[in-house]
Protein backbone atom coordinates (compact mmCIF):
# COMPACT_ATOMS: atom_id res chain seq x y z
CA UNK A 1 -2.29 -4.32 9.39
CA UNK A 2 -3.77 -3.20 12.69
CA UNK A 3 -7.40 -3.82 11.79
CA UNK A 4 -9.07 -6.74 13.56
CA UNK A 5 -11.58 -7.38 10.76
CA UNK A 6 -11.28 -10.42 8.55
CA UNK A 7 -9.95 -9.77 5.06
CA UNK A 8 -11.53 -11.34 2.00
CA UNK A 9 -9.33 -13.09 -0.58
CA UNK A 10 -8.88 -10.02 -2.81
CA UNK A 11 -7.98 -7.82 0.15
CA UNK A 12 -5.53 -10.38 1.46
CA UNK A 13 -3.77 -10.76 -1.91
CA UNK A 14 -3.54 -7.00 -2.34
CA UNK A 15 -2.25 -6.62 1.24
CA UNK A 16 0.40 -9.28 0.59
CA UNK A 17 1.53 -7.44 -2.54
CA UNK A 18 1.68 -4.07 -0.78
CA UNK A 19 3.58 -5.56 2.17
CA UNK A 20 6.07 -7.30 -0.10
CA UNK A 21 6.74 -4.14 -2.08
CA UNK A 22 6.99 -1.83 0.92
CA UNK A 23 9.28 -4.08 2.95
CA UNK A 24 11.62 -4.71 0.03
CA UNK A 25 11.90 -1.09 -1.12
CA UNK A 26 13.00 0.48 2.17
CA UNK A 27 16.01 0.44 4.48
CA UNK A 28 13.94 0.07 7.66
CA UNK A 29 11.53 -2.79 6.88
CA UNK A 30 10.72 -3.36 10.56
CA UNK A 31 9.11 0.08 10.70
CA UNK A 32 6.70 -0.48 7.81
CA UNK A 33 3.05 -0.52 8.86
CA UNK A 34 0.15 -0.87 6.46
CA UNK A 35 -3.45 -0.19 7.40
CA UNK A 36 -6.39 -0.96 5.14
CA UNK A 37 -9.11 1.62 5.72
CA UNK A 38 -12.46 2.05 4.07
CA UNK A 39 -13.07 5.28 2.16
CA UNK A 40 -16.16 6.41 0.26
CA UNK A 41 -15.87 4.23 -2.84
CA UNK A 42 -12.64 2.31 -2.25
CA UNK A 43 -10.32 0.78 0.27
CA UNK A 44 -7.11 2.65 0.96
CA UNK A 45 -3.77 1.15 1.90
CA UNK A 46 -2.23 3.66 4.30
CA UNK A 47 1.54 3.08 4.21
CA UNK A 48 3.46 4.22 7.29
CA UNK A 49 7.24 4.35 6.81
CA UNK A 50 10.36 5.47 8.64
CA UNK A 51 10.90 9.15 7.68
CA UNK A 52 14.19 8.29 5.94
CA UNK A 53 12.41 5.73 3.73
CA UNK A 54 9.65 7.91 2.35
CA UNK A 55 11.69 9.34 -0.49
CA UNK A 56 13.00 5.90 -1.35
CA UNK A 57 9.47 4.47 -1.46
CA UNK A 58 8.14 7.35 -3.54
CA UNK A 59 11.09 7.20 -5.94
CA UNK A 60 12.66 9.76 -8.23
CA UNK A 61 9.93 12.08 -9.49
CA UNK A 62 7.36 9.74 -7.88
CA UNK A 63 8.07 6.92 -10.33
CA UNK A 64 8.02 4.11 -7.78
CA UNK A 65 4.79 5.27 -6.14
CA UNK A 66 3.24 5.74 -9.60
CA UNK A 67 4.23 2.18 -10.56
CA UNK A 68 2.67 0.78 -7.38
CA UNK A 69 -0.52 2.73 -8.07
CA UNK A 70 -0.52 1.26 -11.59
CA UNK A 71 -0.40 -2.23 -10.05
CA UNK A 72 -3.36 -1.33 -7.87
CA UNK A 73 -5.20 -0.04 -10.95
CA UNK A 74 -4.61 -3.41 -12.62
CA UNK A 75 -6.03 -5.18 -9.56
CA UNK A 76 -9.02 -2.81 -9.63
CA UNK A 77 -9.67 -3.54 -13.30
CA UNK A 78 -9.62 -7.24 -12.68
CA UNK A 79 -11.92 -7.42 -9.69
CA UNK A 80 -14.91 -5.76 -8.17
CA UNK A 81 -13.03 -4.03 -5.35
CA UNK A 82 -11.33 -0.65 -5.61
CA UNK A 83 -7.98 -0.09 -3.92
CA UNK A 84 -5.88 3.04 -3.52
CA UNK A 85 -2.61 3.88 -1.76
CA UNK A 86 -1.72 6.72 0.56
CA UNK A 87 1.73 7.35 2.01
CA UNK A 88 1.35 8.70 5.52
CA UNK A 89 3.85 10.99 7.20
CA UNK A 90 4.04 10.16 10.89
């Protein structure tokens, strides 16, 4: 994460989960970058990947990305913060 702000406990746990998943799903883990940005009503994990890894991270018919979004939905249901994920093409 490139943001200098201090993360609260929920943000830190969610960031750890997103980092673990992203790094372990791709072939170029050193090129994974995750930014947490504030949107209107939620915080968005912006996932930056090597171009060759995007399809791998998204999965066949988007299944992997959908599963990760389902995990974020479970985190949202459990706490008072709202998280979303966006895969960024660099």
